[in-house]
C-alpha atoms as a PDB file:
ATOM      1  CA  MET A   1      -8.061 -15.313 -16.468  1.00  0.00           C
ATOM      2  CA  LYS A   2      -9.593 -12.223 -14.887  1.00  0.00           C
ATOM      3  CA  SER A   3      -8.869  -8.942 -16.678  1.00  0.00           C
ATOM      4  CA  GLU A   4     -10.012  -5.442 -15.724  1.00  0.00           C
ATOM      5  CA  THR A   5      -9.193  -1.953 -16.927  1.00  0.00           C
ATOM      6  CA  VAL A   6      -8.364   0.396 -14.058  1.00  0.00           C
ATOM      7  CA  THR A   7      -7.862   4.158 -14.030  1.00  0.00           C
ATOM      8  CA  ILE A   8      -5.111   5.120 -11.598  1.00  0.00           C
ATOM      9  CA  SER A   9      -6.538   7.389  -8.925  1.00  0.00           C
ATOM     10  CA  MET A  10      -4.580   6.588  -5.766  1.00  0.00           C
ATOM     11  CA  ASP A  11      -4.881   9.272  -3.116  1.00  0.00           C
ATOM     12  CA  GLU A  12      -1.160   9.259  -2.405  1.00  0.00           C
ATOM     13  CA  SER A  13       1.623  10.021  -4.834  1.00  0.00           C
ATOM     14  CA  LEU A  14       2.917   7.050  -6.785  1.00  0.00           C
ATOM     15  CA  ASP A  15       6.228   6.924  -4.963  1.00  0.00           C
ATOM     16  CA  ALA A  16       8.316   3.859  -4.148  1.00  0.00           C
ATOM     17  CA  MET A  17       6.401   3.231  -0.897  1.00  0.00           C
ATOM     18  CA  SER A  18       3.043   3.158  -2.703  1.00  0.00           C
ATOM     19  CA  LEU A  19       4.398   0.870  -5.393  1.00  0.00           C
ATOM     20  CA  ALA A  20       5.952  -1.398  -2.750  1.00  0.00           C
ATOM     21  CA  TYR A  21       2.539  -1.686  -1.094  1.00  0.00           C
ATOM     22  CA  CYS A  22       1.060  -2.729  -4.454  1.00  0.00           C
ATOM     23  CA  VAL A  23       3.772  -5.379  -4.829  1.00  0.00           C
ATOM     24  CA  GLN A  24       3.216  -6.650  -1.268  1.00  0.00           C
ATOM     25  CA  THR A  25      -0.486  -6.955  -1.970  1.00  0.00           C
ATOM     26  CA  ALA A  26       0.120  -8.837  -5.224  1.00  0.00           C
ATOM     27  CA  CYS A  27       2.485 -11.225  -3.429  1.00  0.00           C
ATOM     28  CA  ARG A  28      -0.305 -12.288  -1.046  1.00  0.00           C
ATOM     29  CA  PHE A  29      -1.940 -14.178  -3.905  1.00  0.00           C
ATOM     30  CA  THR A  30      -0.861 -17.350  -5.677  1.00  0.00           C
ATOM     31  CA  SER A  31      -2.212 -16.120  -9.031  1.00  0.00           C
ATOM     32  CA  ARG A  32       0.069 -14.598 -11.606  1.00  0.00           C
ATOM     33  CA  ILE A  33      -0.719 -10.861 -11.739  1.00  0.00           C
ATOM     34  CA  HIS A  34       0.347  -8.547 -14.551  1.00  0.00           C
ATOM     35  CA  LEU A  35      -0.243  -4.889 -15.337  1.00  0.00           C
ATOM     36  CA  THR A  36      -0.359  -3.700 -18.944  1.00  0.00           C
ATOM     37  CA  ASP A  37      -0.285  -0.104 -20.142  1.00  0.00           C
ATOM     38  CA  GLY A  38      -0.868  -0.908 -23.818  1.00  0.00           C
ATOM     39  CA  THR A  39       2.768  -1.322 -24.781  1.00  0.00           C
ATOM     40  CA  ARG A  40       4.384  -3.008 -21.782  1.00  0.00           C
ATOM     41  CA  ARG A  41       3.311  -5.914 -19.586  1.00  0.00           C
ATOM     42  CA  ILE A  42       4.935  -6.257 -16.179  1.00  0.00           C
ATOM     43  CA  ASN A  43       4.774  -8.690 -13.283  1.00  0.00           C
ATOM     44  CA  ALA A  44       2.911  -6.924 -10.447  1.00  0.00           C
ATOM     45  CA  LYS A  45       4.961  -8.937  -7.930  1.00  0.00           C
ATOM     46  CA  SER A  46       8.170  -7.239  -9.084  1.00  0.00           C
ATOM     47  CA  ILE A  47       9.107  -3.866  -7.589  1.00  0.00           C
ATOM     48  CA  MET A  48      11.441  -3.180 -10.502  1.00  0.00           C
ATOM     49  CA  GLY A  49       8.668  -4.003 -12.951  1.00  0.00           C
ATOM     50  CA  MET A  50       6.223  -1.725 -11.135  1.00  0.00           C
ATOM     51  CA  MET A  51       8.730   1.129 -11.088  1.00  0.00           C
ATOM     52  CA  SER A  52       9.561   0.687 -14.771  1.00  0.00           C
ATOM     53  CA  LEU A  53       5.905   0.919 -15.780  1.00  0.00           C
ATOM     54  CA  GLY A  54       5.858   4.570 -14.734  1.00  0.00           C
ATOM     55  CA  ILE A  55       2.148   4.758 -13.969  1.00  0.00           C
ATOM     56  CA  ALA A  56       0.686   8.138 -13.042  1.00  0.00           C
ATOM     57  CA  MET A  57      -2.640   9.558 -11.903  1.00  0.00           C
ATOM     58  CA  GLY A  58      -5.248   9.255 -14.640  1.00  0.00           C
ATOM     59  CA  ASP A  59      -3.473   6.482 -16.547  1.00  0.00           C
ATOM     60  CA  ALA A  60      -5.591   3.539 -17.685  1.00  0.00           C
ATOM     61  CA  ILE A  61      -3.978   0.146 -17.196  1.00  0.00           C
ATOM     62  CA  VAL A  62      -5.183  -3.429 -17.455  1.00  0.00           C
ATOM     63  CA  VAL A  63      -4.902  -5.692 -14.418  1.00  0.00           C
ATOM     64  CA  GLU A  64      -4.659  -9.370 -15.386  1.00  0.00           C
ATOM     65  CA  ALA A  65      -4.785 -12.158 -12.828  1.00  0.00           C
ATOM     66  CA  GLU A  66      -4.628 -15.873 -13.586  1.00  0.00           C
ATOM     67  CA  GLY A  67      -4.797 -18.660 -11.042  1.00  0.00           C
ATOM     68  CA  GLU A  68      -6.888 -20.159  -8.294  1.00  0.00           C
ATOM     69  CA  ASP A  69      -7.473 -16.834  -6.500  1.00  0.00           C
ATOM     70  CA  GLU A  70      -7.632 -14.612  -9.607  1.00  0.00           C
ATOM     71  CA  GLU A  71     -10.946 -12.950  -8.701  1.00  0.00           C
ATOM     72  CA  ALA A  72      -9.705 -11.824  -5.284  1.00  0.00           C
ATOM     73  CA  ALA A  73      -6.293 -10.834  -6.672  1.00  0.00           C
ATOM     74  CA  ALA A  74      -7.749  -8.654  -9.427  1.00  0.00           C
ATOM     75  CA  ALA A  75     -10.221  -7.065  -7.004  1.00  0.00           C
ATOM     76  CA  ALA A  76      -7.482  -6.243  -4.469  1.00  0.00           C
ATOM     77  CA  MET A  77      -5.216  -4.672  -7.079  1.00  0.00           C
ATOM     78  CA  LYS A  78      -8.087  -2.678  -8.542  1.00  0.00           C
ATOM     79  CA  GLU A  79      -9.041  -1.400  -5.094  1.00  0.00           C
ATOM     80  CA  ILE A  80      -5.512  -0.190  -4.386  1.00  0.00           C
ATOM     81  CA  LEU A  81      -4.889   1.381  -7.780  1.00  0.00           C
ATOM     82  CA  GLU A  82      -8.219   3.200  -7.739  1.00  0.00           C
ATOM     83  CA  GLY A  83      -7.428   4.606  -4.297  1.00  0.00           C
ATOM     84  CA  LYS A  84     -10.278   2.828  -2.543  1.00  0.00           C
ATOM     85  CA  ASN A  85      -7.967   1.209  -0.011  1.00  0.00           C
ATOM     86  CA  GLY A  86      -6.984   3.628   2.734  1.00  0.00           C
ATOM     87  CA  SER A  87      -3.626   1.889   3.279  1.00  0.00           C
ATOM     88  CA  VAL A  88      -1.859   3.598   0.387  1.00  0.00           C
END
């Protein structure tokens, strides 16, 4: 399992479109991907889960990926959530 702590710093607001992009990215991978905020753990491939997490700029969350492409999955999610991917 690959696990990394990420501080949310997306350039765009964390609206439904941004969260949907995160979900679409997670769905590209076969690994199971979860986000944890310390009290809740959600499936990053679920739009309802992403919306219920209520992440905001400056929040620290843990990205967990487990599976055959876990390294790439965790790296892609980290890149998006830290605002290093210009697509969001």
